[in-house]
N, C-alpha and C. Protein backbone atom coordinates (compact mmCIF):
# COMPACT_ATOMS: atom_id res chain seq x y z
N UNK A 1 28.21 -4.29 88.16
CA UNK A 1 29.21 -4.95 89.01
C UNK A 1 30.60 -4.56 88.53
N UNK A 2 31.40 -3.99 89.40
CA UNK A 2 32.74 -3.54 89.05
C UNK A 2 33.78 -4.55 89.52
N UNK A 3 34.60 -5.04 88.59
CA UNK A 3 35.64 -6.01 88.96
C UNK A 3 37.04 -5.55 88.59
N UNK A 4 37.17 -4.42 87.86
CA UNK A 4 38.46 -4.07 87.28
C UNK A 4 39.45 -3.47 88.27
N UNK A 5 39.06 -3.25 89.54
CA UNK A 5 39.97 -2.65 90.51
C UNK A 5 40.81 -3.69 91.24
N UNK A 6 40.47 -4.96 91.12
CA UNK A 6 41.19 -6.00 91.85
C UNK A 6 42.57 -6.25 91.22
N UNK A 7 43.62 -6.44 92.04
CA UNK A 7 44.95 -6.73 91.49
C UNK A 7 45.00 -8.12 90.86
N UNK A 8 45.91 -8.30 89.92
CA UNK A 8 45.99 -9.56 89.19
C UNK A 8 46.29 -10.75 90.08
N UNK A 9 47.02 -10.54 91.19
CA UNK A 9 47.40 -11.68 92.02
C UNK A 9 46.36 -12.01 93.09
N UNK A 10 45.25 -11.30 93.11
CA UNK A 10 44.18 -11.60 94.06
C UNK A 10 43.47 -12.89 93.65
N UNK A 11 42.95 -13.64 94.61
CA UNK A 11 42.23 -14.86 94.24
C UNK A 11 40.96 -14.53 93.46
N UNK A 12 40.65 -15.36 92.49
CA UNK A 12 39.46 -15.13 91.67
C UNK A 12 38.18 -15.18 92.49
N UNK A 13 38.20 -15.91 93.57
CA UNK A 13 37.01 -15.98 94.44
C UNK A 13 36.64 -14.62 95.00
N UNK A 14 37.61 -13.71 95.10
CA UNK A 14 37.32 -12.38 95.64
C UNK A 14 36.45 -11.56 94.69
N UNK A 15 36.46 -11.90 93.41
CA UNK A 15 35.63 -11.18 92.43
C UNK A 15 34.20 -11.68 92.43
N UNK A 16 34.02 -12.96 92.70
CA UNK A 16 32.70 -13.58 92.56
C UNK A 16 32.32 -14.41 93.79
N UNK A 17 32.27 -13.79 94.95
CA UNK A 17 31.90 -14.55 96.15
C UNK A 17 30.47 -15.09 96.11
N UNK A 18 29.64 -14.52 95.23
CA UNK A 18 28.23 -14.95 95.14
C UNK A 18 28.12 -16.43 94.76
N UNK A 19 29.12 -16.96 94.07
CA UNK A 19 29.02 -18.33 93.58
C UNK A 19 29.25 -19.36 94.68
N UNK A 20 29.71 -18.96 95.84
CA UNK A 20 29.93 -19.94 96.90
C UNK A 20 28.61 -20.41 97.51
N UNK A 21 27.80 -19.47 98.00
CA UNK A 21 26.53 -19.85 98.63
C UNK A 21 25.36 -18.95 98.23
N UNK A 22 25.67 -17.70 97.93
CA UNK A 22 24.62 -16.70 97.83
C UNK A 22 23.64 -16.96 96.69
N UNK A 23 24.15 -17.33 95.53
CA UNK A 23 23.26 -17.55 94.39
C UNK A 23 22.28 -18.68 94.71
N UNK A 24 22.79 -19.76 95.29
CA UNK A 24 21.89 -20.86 95.66
C UNK A 24 20.83 -20.38 96.65
N UNK A 25 21.22 -19.58 97.61
CA UNK A 25 20.26 -19.09 98.59
C UNK A 25 19.18 -18.25 97.94
N UNK A 26 19.57 -17.38 97.00
CA UNK A 26 18.58 -16.56 96.29
C UNK A 26 17.59 -17.43 95.53
N UNK A 27 18.12 -18.36 94.74
CA UNK A 27 17.27 -19.17 93.87
C UNK A 27 16.36 -20.08 94.68
N UNK A 28 16.93 -20.78 95.65
CA UNK A 28 16.11 -21.71 96.44
C UNK A 28 15.03 -20.98 97.21
N UNK A 29 15.32 -19.77 97.71
CA UNK A 29 14.32 -19.00 98.45
C UNK A 29 13.14 -18.64 97.56
N UNK A 30 13.40 -18.32 96.28
CA UNK A 30 12.33 -17.90 95.38
C UNK A 30 11.37 -19.03 95.02
N UNK A 31 11.83 -20.28 95.02
CA UNK A 31 10.96 -21.37 94.60
C UNK A 31 10.41 -22.16 95.79
N UNK A 32 10.89 -21.84 96.98
CA UNK A 32 10.44 -22.60 98.15
C UNK A 32 8.94 -22.45 98.36
N UNK A 33 8.26 -23.58 98.56
CA UNK A 33 6.85 -23.57 98.91
C UNK A 33 5.88 -23.33 97.77
N UNK A 34 6.35 -23.20 96.54
CA UNK A 34 5.44 -22.95 95.42
C UNK A 34 4.73 -24.24 95.01
N UNK A 35 3.49 -24.11 94.62
CA UNK A 35 2.73 -25.25 94.12
C UNK A 35 3.12 -25.53 92.67
N UNK A 36 2.70 -26.71 92.17
CA UNK A 36 2.97 -27.02 90.77
C UNK A 36 2.32 -25.99 89.85
N UNK A 37 1.11 -25.56 90.19
CA UNK A 37 0.43 -24.57 89.35
C UNK A 37 1.20 -23.25 89.32
N UNK A 38 1.73 -22.85 90.45
CA UNK A 38 2.51 -21.61 90.49
C UNK A 38 3.83 -21.75 89.75
N UNK A 39 4.46 -22.90 89.88
CA UNK A 39 5.72 -23.16 89.19
C UNK A 39 5.54 -23.19 87.67
N UNK A 40 4.35 -23.61 87.22
CA UNK A 40 4.15 -23.85 85.80
C UNK A 40 3.33 -22.78 85.10
N UNK A 41 3.01 -21.71 85.80
CA UNK A 41 2.27 -20.61 85.17
C UNK A 41 3.06 -20.04 84.00
N UNK A 42 2.41 -19.95 82.83
CA UNK A 42 2.98 -19.33 81.64
C UNK A 42 1.90 -18.53 80.92
N UNK A 43 2.31 -17.56 80.14
CA UNK A 43 1.37 -16.75 79.37
C UNK A 43 2.06 -16.25 78.11
N UNK A 44 1.32 -16.20 77.03
CA UNK A 44 1.85 -15.64 75.78
C UNK A 44 1.70 -14.11 75.72
N UNK A 45 1.17 -13.53 76.77
CA UNK A 45 0.89 -12.09 76.75
C UNK A 45 2.17 -11.26 76.81
N UNK A 46 3.20 -11.77 77.51
CA UNK A 46 4.48 -11.07 77.62
C UNK A 46 5.59 -12.03 77.21
N UNK A 47 6.65 -11.48 76.66
CA UNK A 47 7.77 -12.33 76.25
C UNK A 47 8.37 -13.04 77.46
N UNK A 48 8.46 -12.33 78.59
CA UNK A 48 9.10 -12.91 79.78
C UNK A 48 8.25 -13.99 80.44
N UNK A 49 6.97 -14.08 80.09
CA UNK A 49 6.11 -15.08 80.74
C UNK A 49 5.94 -16.35 79.91
N UNK A 50 6.71 -16.48 78.84
CA UNK A 50 6.60 -17.68 78.01
C UNK A 50 7.35 -18.87 78.62
N UNK A 51 8.26 -18.58 79.54
CA UNK A 51 8.92 -19.63 80.31
C UNK A 51 8.41 -19.55 81.74
N UNK A 52 7.98 -20.66 82.27
CA UNK A 52 7.49 -20.73 83.64
C UNK A 52 8.64 -20.57 84.65
N UNK A 53 8.26 -20.46 85.92
CA UNK A 53 9.27 -20.43 86.98
C UNK A 53 10.10 -21.71 86.94
N UNK A 54 9.43 -22.84 86.75
CA UNK A 54 10.15 -24.12 86.72
C UNK A 54 11.18 -24.14 85.59
N UNK A 55 10.80 -23.59 84.44
CA UNK A 55 11.72 -23.61 83.30
C UNK A 55 12.83 -22.58 83.45
N UNK A 56 12.55 -21.46 84.08
CA UNK A 56 13.63 -20.54 84.43
C UNK A 56 14.61 -21.22 85.38
N UNK A 57 14.07 -21.96 86.34
CA UNK A 57 14.92 -22.67 87.29
C UNK A 57 15.80 -23.70 86.58
N UNK A 58 15.21 -24.46 85.66
CA UNK A 58 15.96 -25.47 84.92
C UNK A 58 17.04 -24.82 84.05
N UNK A 59 16.72 -23.68 83.46
CA UNK A 59 17.69 -22.95 82.65
C UNK A 59 18.86 -22.49 83.51
N UNK A 60 18.58 -21.95 84.69
CA UNK A 60 19.65 -21.51 85.57
C UNK A 60 20.51 -22.69 86.02
N UNK A 61 19.87 -23.83 86.29
CA UNK A 61 20.61 -25.00 86.78
C UNK A 61 21.54 -25.57 85.73
N UNK A 62 21.19 -25.46 84.46
CA UNK A 62 22.03 -26.02 83.41
C UNK A 62 23.09 -25.04 82.92
N UNK A 63 22.92 -23.76 83.21
CA UNK A 63 23.74 -22.74 82.59
C UNK A 63 25.22 -22.81 82.92
N UNK A 64 25.56 -23.06 84.18
CA UNK A 64 26.97 -23.12 84.55
C UNK A 64 27.66 -24.29 83.86
N UNK A 65 26.98 -25.41 83.76
CA UNK A 65 27.57 -26.57 83.07
C UNK A 65 27.69 -26.30 81.58
N UNK A 66 26.69 -25.65 80.99
CA UNK A 66 26.76 -25.36 79.56
C UNK A 66 27.96 -24.46 79.25
N UNK A 67 28.21 -23.51 80.12
CA UNK A 67 29.31 -22.57 79.87
C UNK A 67 30.66 -23.11 80.35
N UNK A 68 30.75 -23.49 81.61
CA UNK A 68 32.07 -23.81 82.18
C UNK A 68 32.57 -25.19 81.83
N UNK A 69 31.65 -26.11 81.52
CA UNK A 69 32.09 -27.44 81.10
C UNK A 69 32.01 -27.60 79.59
N UNK A 70 30.86 -27.33 79.01
CA UNK A 70 30.67 -27.58 77.59
C UNK A 70 31.54 -26.67 76.73
N UNK A 71 31.65 -25.39 77.10
CA UNK A 71 32.40 -24.45 76.27
C UNK A 71 33.85 -24.30 76.71
N UNK A 72 34.06 -24.18 78.01
CA UNK A 72 35.41 -23.95 78.51
C UNK A 72 36.14 -25.24 78.89
N UNK A 73 35.48 -26.37 78.85
CA UNK A 73 36.03 -27.60 79.40
C UNK A 73 37.40 -27.98 78.87
N UNK A 74 37.60 -27.91 77.55
CA UNK A 74 38.88 -28.34 76.99
C UNK A 74 40.02 -27.43 77.40
N UNK A 75 39.71 -26.16 77.68
CA UNK A 75 40.75 -25.22 78.12
C UNK A 75 41.03 -25.39 79.61
N UNK A 76 39.97 -25.48 80.40
CA UNK A 76 40.13 -25.52 81.86
C UNK A 76 40.44 -26.92 82.38
N UNK A 77 40.01 -27.95 81.65
CA UNK A 77 40.19 -29.33 82.10
C UNK A 77 40.77 -30.17 80.97
N UNK A 78 42.01 -29.88 80.54
CA UNK A 78 42.58 -30.62 79.41
C UNK A 78 42.72 -32.11 79.69
N UNK A 79 42.81 -32.50 80.97
CA UNK A 79 42.91 -33.90 81.34
C UNK A 79 41.55 -34.50 81.69
N UNK A 80 40.49 -33.74 81.48
CA UNK A 80 39.16 -34.21 81.83
C UNK A 80 38.84 -33.92 83.29
N UNK A 81 37.70 -34.41 83.73
CA UNK A 81 37.24 -34.20 85.10
C UNK A 81 36.62 -35.49 85.62
N UNK A 82 36.81 -35.80 86.92
CA UNK A 82 36.15 -36.98 87.48
C UNK A 82 34.64 -36.97 87.31
N UNK A 83 34.05 -35.77 87.20
CA UNK A 83 32.61 -35.66 87.04
C UNK A 83 32.20 -35.40 85.59
N UNK A 84 33.14 -35.55 84.68
CA UNK A 84 32.87 -35.22 83.29
C UNK A 84 31.71 -35.99 82.69
N UNK A 85 31.63 -37.28 82.98
CA UNK A 85 30.54 -38.08 82.43
C UNK A 85 29.19 -37.63 82.98
N UNK A 86 29.17 -37.27 84.27
CA UNK A 86 27.93 -36.77 84.86
C UNK A 86 27.52 -35.45 84.21
N UNK A 87 28.48 -34.56 84.00
CA UNK A 87 28.18 -33.29 83.33
C UNK A 87 27.63 -33.55 81.92
N UNK A 88 28.27 -34.46 81.19
CA UNK A 88 27.83 -34.76 79.83
C UNK A 88 26.40 -35.30 79.81
N UNK A 89 26.08 -36.17 80.76
CA UNK A 89 24.72 -36.72 80.82
C UNK A 89 23.70 -35.62 81.06
N UNK A 90 24.02 -34.70 81.95
CA UNK A 90 23.09 -33.61 82.25
C UNK A 90 22.88 -32.69 81.06
N UNK A 91 23.92 -32.51 80.27
CA UNK A 91 23.82 -31.62 79.11
C UNK A 91 23.19 -32.31 77.90
N UNK A 92 23.01 -33.62 77.97
CA UNK A 92 22.37 -34.36 76.89
C UNK A 92 20.86 -34.28 77.08
N UNK A 93 20.32 -33.11 76.79
CA UNK A 93 18.91 -32.83 77.03
C UNK A 93 18.20 -32.48 75.74
N UNK A 94 16.97 -32.96 75.55
CA UNK A 94 16.22 -32.60 74.35
C UNK A 94 15.58 -31.21 74.44
N UNK A 95 15.76 -30.53 75.58
CA UNK A 95 15.11 -29.24 75.80
C UNK A 95 16.13 -28.11 75.64
N UNK A 96 15.70 -27.04 75.00
CA UNK A 96 16.58 -25.93 74.69
C UNK A 96 17.09 -25.24 75.95
N UNK A 97 18.39 -25.32 76.20
CA UNK A 97 19.07 -24.62 77.30
C UNK A 97 18.44 -24.93 78.66
N UNK A 98 17.93 -26.14 78.80
CA UNK A 98 17.36 -26.59 80.07
C UNK A 98 17.76 -28.04 80.31
N UNK A 99 17.61 -28.46 81.55
CA UNK A 99 17.81 -29.87 81.87
C UNK A 99 16.70 -30.70 81.22
N UNK A 100 16.92 -31.99 81.17
CA UNK A 100 15.90 -32.90 80.64
C UNK A 100 14.71 -32.91 81.59
N UNK A 101 13.58 -32.37 81.14
CA UNK A 101 12.42 -32.25 82.02
C UNK A 101 11.79 -33.60 82.32
N UNK A 102 12.11 -34.62 81.56
CA UNK A 102 11.62 -35.96 81.86
C UNK A 102 12.34 -36.57 83.06
N UNK A 103 13.53 -36.05 83.35
CA UNK A 103 14.33 -36.57 84.45
C UNK A 103 14.37 -35.61 85.64
N UNK A 104 14.33 -34.31 85.36
CA UNK A 104 14.50 -33.30 86.41
C UNK A 104 13.34 -32.32 86.32
N UNK A 105 12.28 -32.64 87.04
CA UNK A 105 11.06 -31.85 87.00
C UNK A 105 10.75 -31.23 88.35
N UNK A 106 10.95 -31.98 89.42
CA UNK A 106 10.66 -31.45 90.74
C UNK A 106 11.74 -30.43 91.15
N UNK A 107 11.34 -29.35 91.82
CA UNK A 107 12.32 -28.32 92.20
C UNK A 107 13.51 -28.87 92.97
N UNK A 108 13.29 -29.83 93.86
CA UNK A 108 14.41 -30.36 94.64
C UNK A 108 15.45 -31.01 93.73
N UNK A 109 15.00 -31.72 92.71
CA UNK A 109 15.93 -32.37 91.78
C UNK A 109 16.68 -31.35 90.95
N UNK A 110 15.98 -30.28 90.55
CA UNK A 110 16.63 -29.24 89.75
C UNK A 110 17.64 -28.47 90.61
N UNK A 111 17.26 -28.17 91.84
CA UNK A 111 18.18 -27.44 92.73
C UNK A 111 19.43 -28.26 93.02
N UNK A 112 19.28 -29.57 93.08
CA UNK A 112 20.45 -30.43 93.29
C UNK A 112 21.45 -30.26 92.16
N UNK A 113 20.95 -30.13 90.93
CA UNK A 113 21.85 -29.95 89.79
C UNK A 113 22.36 -28.51 89.72
N UNK A 114 21.59 -27.56 90.22
CA UNK A 114 22.10 -26.20 90.35
C UNK A 114 23.34 -26.18 91.24
N UNK A 115 23.28 -26.92 92.35
CA UNK A 115 24.43 -27.01 93.26
C UNK A 115 25.63 -27.59 92.54
N UNK A 116 25.40 -28.61 91.71
CA UNK A 116 26.50 -29.23 90.97
C UNK A 116 27.20 -28.20 90.09
N UNK A 117 26.43 -27.39 89.38
CA UNK A 117 27.02 -26.36 88.53
C UNK A 117 27.72 -25.28 89.32
N UNK A 118 27.12 -24.86 90.42
CA UNK A 118 27.76 -23.83 91.25
C UNK A 118 29.03 -24.35 91.89
N UNK A 119 29.04 -25.63 92.27
CA UNK A 119 30.27 -26.23 92.81
C UNK A 119 31.38 -26.23 91.76
N UNK A 120 31.02 -26.50 90.51
CA UNK A 120 32.00 -26.44 89.44
C UNK A 120 32.55 -25.03 89.31
N UNK A 121 31.67 -24.03 89.34
CA UNK A 121 32.12 -22.64 89.28
C UNK A 121 33.08 -22.31 90.42
N UNK A 122 32.72 -22.73 91.61
CA UNK A 122 33.54 -22.37 92.77
C UNK A 122 34.90 -23.07 92.72
N UNK A 123 34.92 -24.30 92.22
CA UNK A 123 36.20 -25.01 92.12
C UNK A 123 37.11 -24.32 91.10
N UNK A 124 36.54 -23.81 90.02
CA UNK A 124 37.33 -23.07 89.03
C UNK A 124 37.84 -21.77 89.62
N UNK A 125 36.95 -21.01 90.24
CA UNK A 125 37.35 -19.74 90.84
C UNK A 125 38.42 -19.96 91.92
N UNK A 126 38.35 -21.06 92.64
CA UNK A 126 39.31 -21.34 93.71
C UNK A 126 40.70 -21.68 93.17
N UNK A 127 40.78 -22.05 91.90
CA UNK A 127 42.07 -22.41 91.31
C UNK A 127 42.62 -21.32 90.40
N UNK A 128 41.91 -20.21 90.27
CA UNK A 128 42.34 -19.13 89.39
C UNK A 128 42.65 -17.87 90.18
N UNK A 129 43.37 -16.96 89.56
CA UNK A 129 43.59 -15.62 90.09
C UNK A 129 42.81 -14.62 89.25
N UNK A 130 42.75 -13.39 89.72
CA UNK A 130 42.12 -12.34 88.91
C UNK A 130 42.83 -12.22 87.57
N UNK A 131 44.15 -12.28 87.60
CA UNK A 131 44.93 -12.17 86.36
C UNK A 131 44.63 -13.29 85.38
N UNK A 132 44.52 -14.52 85.87
CA UNK A 132 44.25 -15.63 84.96
C UNK A 132 42.83 -15.57 84.42
N UNK A 133 41.88 -15.07 85.23
CA UNK A 133 40.51 -14.89 84.72
C UNK A 133 40.50 -13.93 83.53
N UNK A 134 41.39 -12.94 83.57
CA UNK A 134 41.41 -11.92 82.53
C UNK A 134 42.29 -12.28 81.34
N UNK A 135 43.17 -13.25 81.51
CA UNK A 135 44.07 -13.61 80.41
C UNK A 135 43.57 -14.81 79.62
N UNK A 136 42.81 -15.69 80.23
CA UNK A 136 42.30 -16.86 79.52
C UNK A 136 41.12 -16.46 78.65
N UNK A 137 41.17 -16.89 77.38
CA UNK A 137 40.15 -16.49 76.43
C UNK A 137 39.55 -17.70 75.72
N UNK A 138 38.31 -17.50 75.29
CA UNK A 138 37.57 -18.50 74.55
C UNK A 138 36.99 -17.85 73.30
N UNK A 139 37.10 -18.53 72.17
CA UNK A 139 36.45 -18.04 70.95
C UNK A 139 34.97 -18.38 71.01
N UNK A 140 34.13 -17.38 70.71
CA UNK A 140 32.69 -17.56 70.84
C UNK A 140 31.97 -16.84 69.70
N UNK A 141 30.79 -17.31 69.31
CA UNK A 141 30.01 -16.57 68.30
C UNK A 141 29.70 -15.16 68.79
N UNK A 142 29.71 -14.21 67.86
CA UNK A 142 29.49 -12.80 68.21
C UNK A 142 28.00 -12.49 68.25
N UNK A 143 27.25 -13.36 68.91
CA UNK A 143 25.79 -13.21 68.95
C UNK A 143 25.25 -13.14 70.38
N UNK A 144 26.10 -13.23 71.38
CA UNK A 144 25.63 -13.30 72.75
C UNK A 144 25.37 -11.94 73.35
N UNK A 145 24.81 -11.97 74.56
CA UNK A 145 24.52 -10.73 75.27
C UNK A 145 25.78 -9.93 75.58
N UNK A 146 26.91 -10.62 75.74
CA UNK A 146 28.16 -9.89 76.02
C UNK A 146 28.61 -9.06 74.83
N UNK A 147 28.21 -9.42 73.61
CA UNK A 147 28.55 -8.58 72.46
C UNK A 147 27.53 -7.47 72.28
N UNK A 148 26.29 -7.68 72.75
CA UNK A 148 25.28 -6.63 72.67
C UNK A 148 25.52 -5.53 73.71
N UNK A 149 26.09 -5.92 74.84
CA UNK A 149 26.26 -4.97 75.95
C UNK A 149 27.70 -4.99 76.46
N UNK A 150 28.66 -4.61 75.60
CA UNK A 150 30.07 -4.68 76.01
C UNK A 150 30.40 -3.79 77.19
N UNK A 151 29.55 -2.78 77.46
CA UNK A 151 29.81 -1.88 78.59
C UNK A 151 29.77 -2.61 79.93
N UNK A 152 29.20 -3.80 79.95
CA UNK A 152 29.11 -4.56 81.20
C UNK A 152 30.33 -5.42 81.47
N UNK A 153 31.29 -5.43 80.53
CA UNK A 153 32.35 -6.43 80.63
C UNK A 153 33.77 -5.87 80.63
N UNK A 154 33.93 -4.60 80.82
CA UNK A 154 35.24 -3.98 81.09
C UNK A 154 36.36 -4.48 80.18
N UNK A 155 36.13 -4.49 78.89
CA UNK A 155 37.17 -4.88 77.95
C UNK A 155 37.40 -6.37 77.85
N UNK A 156 36.50 -7.18 78.38
CA UNK A 156 36.67 -8.63 78.35
C UNK A 156 36.15 -9.29 77.10
N UNK A 157 35.79 -8.50 76.10
CA UNK A 157 35.33 -9.02 74.81
C UNK A 157 36.14 -8.33 73.72
N UNK A 158 36.74 -9.09 72.82
CA UNK A 158 37.49 -8.47 71.72
C UNK A 158 37.23 -9.24 70.44
N UNK A 159 37.30 -8.56 69.30
CA UNK A 159 37.01 -9.23 68.03
C UNK A 159 38.07 -10.25 67.65
N UNK A 160 37.66 -11.24 66.90
CA UNK A 160 38.60 -12.18 66.29
C UNK A 160 39.07 -11.54 64.98
N UNK A 161 40.36 -11.27 64.83
CA UNK A 161 40.83 -10.60 63.61
C UNK A 161 40.40 -11.34 62.35
N UNK A 162 39.79 -10.60 61.42
CA UNK A 162 39.40 -11.16 60.15
C UNK A 162 38.12 -11.96 60.14
N UNK A 163 37.43 -12.02 61.29
CA UNK A 163 36.19 -12.81 61.34
C UNK A 163 35.17 -12.08 62.22
N UNK A 164 34.27 -11.34 61.61
CA UNK A 164 33.30 -10.56 62.37
C UNK A 164 32.21 -11.41 63.01
N UNK A 165 32.17 -12.70 62.69
CA UNK A 165 31.15 -13.57 63.26
C UNK A 165 31.56 -14.13 64.62
N UNK A 166 32.79 -13.83 65.04
CA UNK A 166 33.29 -14.40 66.29
C UNK A 166 33.97 -13.34 67.13
N UNK A 167 34.03 -13.60 68.44
CA UNK A 167 34.77 -12.75 69.37
C UNK A 167 35.53 -13.65 70.33
N UNK A 168 36.51 -13.05 71.00
CA UNK A 168 37.15 -13.71 72.13
C UNK A 168 36.53 -13.15 73.41
N UNK A 169 36.18 -14.03 74.32
CA UNK A 169 35.71 -13.58 75.63
C UNK A 169 36.61 -14.18 76.70
N UNK A 170 36.83 -13.41 77.75
CA UNK A 170 37.68 -13.89 78.83
C UNK A 170 36.88 -14.76 79.78
N UNK A 171 37.60 -15.47 80.63
CA UNK A 171 36.95 -16.27 81.67
C UNK A 171 36.21 -15.36 82.65
N UNK A 172 36.76 -14.17 82.91
CA UNK A 172 36.07 -13.21 83.75
C UNK A 172 34.73 -12.80 83.13
N UNK A 173 34.73 -12.54 81.82
CA UNK A 173 33.49 -12.19 81.13
C UNK A 173 32.46 -13.31 81.26
N UNK A 174 32.93 -14.55 81.18
CA UNK A 174 32.02 -15.68 81.30
C UNK A 174 31.37 -15.70 82.68
N UNK A 175 32.14 -15.48 83.73
CA UNK A 175 31.56 -15.47 85.07
C UNK A 175 30.64 -14.27 85.27
N UNK A 176 31.01 -13.14 84.70
CA UNK A 176 30.09 -11.99 84.76
C UNK A 176 28.77 -12.32 84.06
N UNK A 177 28.88 -12.92 82.89
CA UNK A 177 27.67 -13.31 82.15
C UNK A 177 26.82 -14.26 82.97
N UNK A 178 27.43 -15.24 83.60
CA UNK A 178 26.67 -16.18 84.42
C UNK A 178 25.98 -15.44 85.58
N UNK A 179 26.70 -14.57 86.24
CA UNK A 179 26.11 -13.80 87.35
C UNK A 179 24.95 -12.96 86.85
N UNK A 180 25.13 -12.27 85.73
CA UNK A 180 24.06 -11.45 85.18
C UNK A 180 22.87 -12.29 84.74
N UNK A 181 23.12 -13.49 84.25
CA UNK A 181 22.03 -14.40 83.90
C UNK A 181 21.23 -14.77 85.14
N UNK A 182 21.92 -15.05 86.23
CA UNK A 182 21.21 -15.39 87.47
C UNK A 182 20.34 -14.23 87.94
N UNK A 183 20.89 -13.03 87.99
CA UNK A 183 20.09 -11.91 88.49
C UNK A 183 18.90 -11.64 87.57
N UNK A 184 19.10 -11.78 86.26
CA UNK A 184 18.03 -11.48 85.32
C UNK A 184 16.93 -12.54 85.36
N UNK A 185 17.30 -13.80 85.46
CA UNK A 185 16.28 -14.84 85.55
C UNK A 185 15.58 -14.83 86.91
N UNK A 186 16.27 -14.41 87.94
CA UNK A 186 15.59 -14.22 89.22
C UNK A 186 14.55 -13.11 89.12
N UNK A 187 14.89 -12.05 88.39
CA UNK A 187 13.91 -10.99 88.15
C UNK A 187 12.70 -11.55 87.40
N UNK A 188 12.94 -12.40 86.40
CA UNK A 188 11.83 -13.03 85.68
C UNK A 188 10.98 -13.89 86.61
N UNK A 189 11.64 -14.65 87.48
CA UNK A 189 10.91 -15.48 88.44
C UNK A 189 10.03 -14.59 89.32
N UNK A 190 10.58 -13.49 89.79
CA UNK A 190 9.80 -12.63 90.68
C UNK A 190 8.61 -12.00 89.96
N UNK A 191 8.75 -11.60 88.70
CA UNK A 191 7.58 -11.01 88.06
C UNK A 191 6.57 -12.08 87.64
N UNK A 192 7.02 -13.31 87.43
CA UNK A 192 6.07 -14.41 87.25
C UNK A 192 5.29 -14.64 88.54
N UNK A 193 5.96 -14.49 89.66
CA UNK A 193 5.26 -14.61 90.94
C UNK A 193 4.27 -13.46 91.12
N UNK A 194 4.72 -12.24 90.81
CA UNK A 194 3.82 -11.09 90.98
C UNK A 194 2.60 -11.19 90.06
N UNK A 195 2.78 -11.78 88.87
CA UNK A 195 1.66 -11.96 87.96
C UNK A 195 0.61 -12.91 88.55
N UNK A 196 1.01 -13.68 89.54
CA UNK A 196 0.09 -14.61 90.21
C UNK A 196 -0.32 -14.12 91.59
N UNK A 197 0.01 -12.87 91.90
CA UNK A 197 -0.35 -12.32 93.19
C UNK A 197 0.57 -12.72 94.31
N UNK A 198 1.78 -13.17 93.97
CA UNK A 198 2.75 -13.60 94.97
C UNK A 198 3.86 -12.56 95.09
N UNK A 199 4.58 -12.60 96.19
CA UNK A 199 5.67 -11.66 96.42
C UNK A 199 7.01 -12.35 96.22
N UNK A 200 8.00 -11.56 95.79
CA UNK A 200 9.36 -12.08 95.72
C UNK A 200 9.91 -12.34 97.11
N UNK A 201 10.88 -13.25 97.18
CA UNK A 201 11.42 -13.65 98.47
C UNK A 201 12.72 -12.94 98.83
N UNK A 202 13.46 -12.46 97.83
CA UNK A 202 14.77 -11.85 98.08
C UNK A 202 14.86 -10.52 97.36
N UNK A 203 15.84 -9.73 97.77
CA UNK A 203 16.14 -8.49 97.05
C UNK A 203 17.23 -8.78 96.03
N UNK A 204 16.88 -8.66 94.77
CA UNK A 204 17.83 -8.99 93.71
C UNK A 204 18.82 -7.84 93.54
N UNK A 205 20.12 -8.13 93.45
CA UNK A 205 21.10 -7.06 93.23
C UNK A 205 20.79 -6.27 91.96
N UNK A 206 21.06 -5.00 92.01
CA UNK A 206 20.85 -4.13 90.84
C UNK A 206 22.03 -4.29 89.89
N UNK A 207 22.21 -5.49 89.39
CA UNK A 207 23.32 -5.84 88.51
C UNK A 207 22.81 -6.65 87.34
N UNK A 208 23.43 -6.45 86.20
CA UNK A 208 23.17 -7.34 85.09
C UNK A 208 22.25 -6.78 84.03
N UNK A 209 21.80 -7.66 83.18
CA UNK A 209 21.03 -7.26 82.00
C UNK A 209 19.72 -6.60 82.37
N UNK A 210 19.08 -7.08 83.43
CA UNK A 210 17.72 -6.64 83.72
C UNK A 210 17.64 -5.18 84.15
N UNK A 211 18.77 -4.57 84.54
CA UNK A 211 18.73 -3.16 84.95
C UNK A 211 19.15 -2.22 83.82
N UNK A 212 19.48 -2.75 82.65
CA UNK A 212 19.82 -1.89 81.53
C UNK A 212 18.61 -1.03 81.13
N UNK A 213 18.83 0.22 80.73
CA UNK A 213 17.70 1.10 80.40
C UNK A 213 16.77 0.53 79.34
N UNK A 214 17.32 -0.21 78.39
CA UNK A 214 16.51 -0.72 77.28
C UNK A 214 15.88 -2.08 77.57
N UNK A 215 16.15 -2.66 78.73
CA UNK A 215 15.63 -3.99 79.02
C UNK A 215 14.14 -3.93 79.30
N UNK A 216 13.42 -4.94 78.83
CA UNK A 216 11.98 -5.03 79.07
C UNK A 216 11.73 -5.42 80.54
N UNK A 217 11.27 -4.46 81.31
CA UNK A 217 10.94 -4.73 82.71
C UNK A 217 9.42 -4.61 82.95
N UNK A 218 8.66 -4.92 81.91
CA UNK A 218 7.22 -4.84 82.02
C UNK A 218 6.70 -5.81 83.09
N UNK A 219 5.52 -5.47 83.58
CA UNK A 219 4.88 -6.29 84.61
C UNK A 219 3.48 -6.66 84.16
N UNK A 220 2.91 -7.67 84.80
CA UNK A 220 1.54 -8.08 84.49
C UNK A 220 0.59 -6.97 84.86
């Protein structure tokens, strides 16, 4: 995905139109009509099959809140947010990088929270410009996928002087990472479906981590 050609004064929404409706349409289409058995299929045979479709869905639904509220919140919302308490409750989960499965198990409930996160993304993009996406930075551990694959982020990752354990990432890099996470987990959902003799519902964009030459794209 190429974003570096847009002028600084262009609206940030022009870089990431997928966050308005498209991502939700992709995700909801992939899980529509699946049975509990299909949603919960897991296998230790492949690394990608250790998380079920349901758990991939829960991970996607929590991801925007984990990044844009939990990590960026103090920078983007110094006065807080009317929905801050709701965001905090959703992120108070005993499950690793997923919603609380005791509260959000049915796909409809998880998709509802996916919408909440995507709405947060769109509200941020609607208040930013391309220039502000590229100038706002967050200090982050130097262990994420954006540090492993800097070629995907057009200079949006830079070292913290004197500390090799940390990097600065831009707000644009964060949105790129979120987009790439969606495409990659959708790919995982589709191969979990294929492992069960089912077909994917959408054509996933050839963007993100899953299309890297070294990425594990094995199939059942």
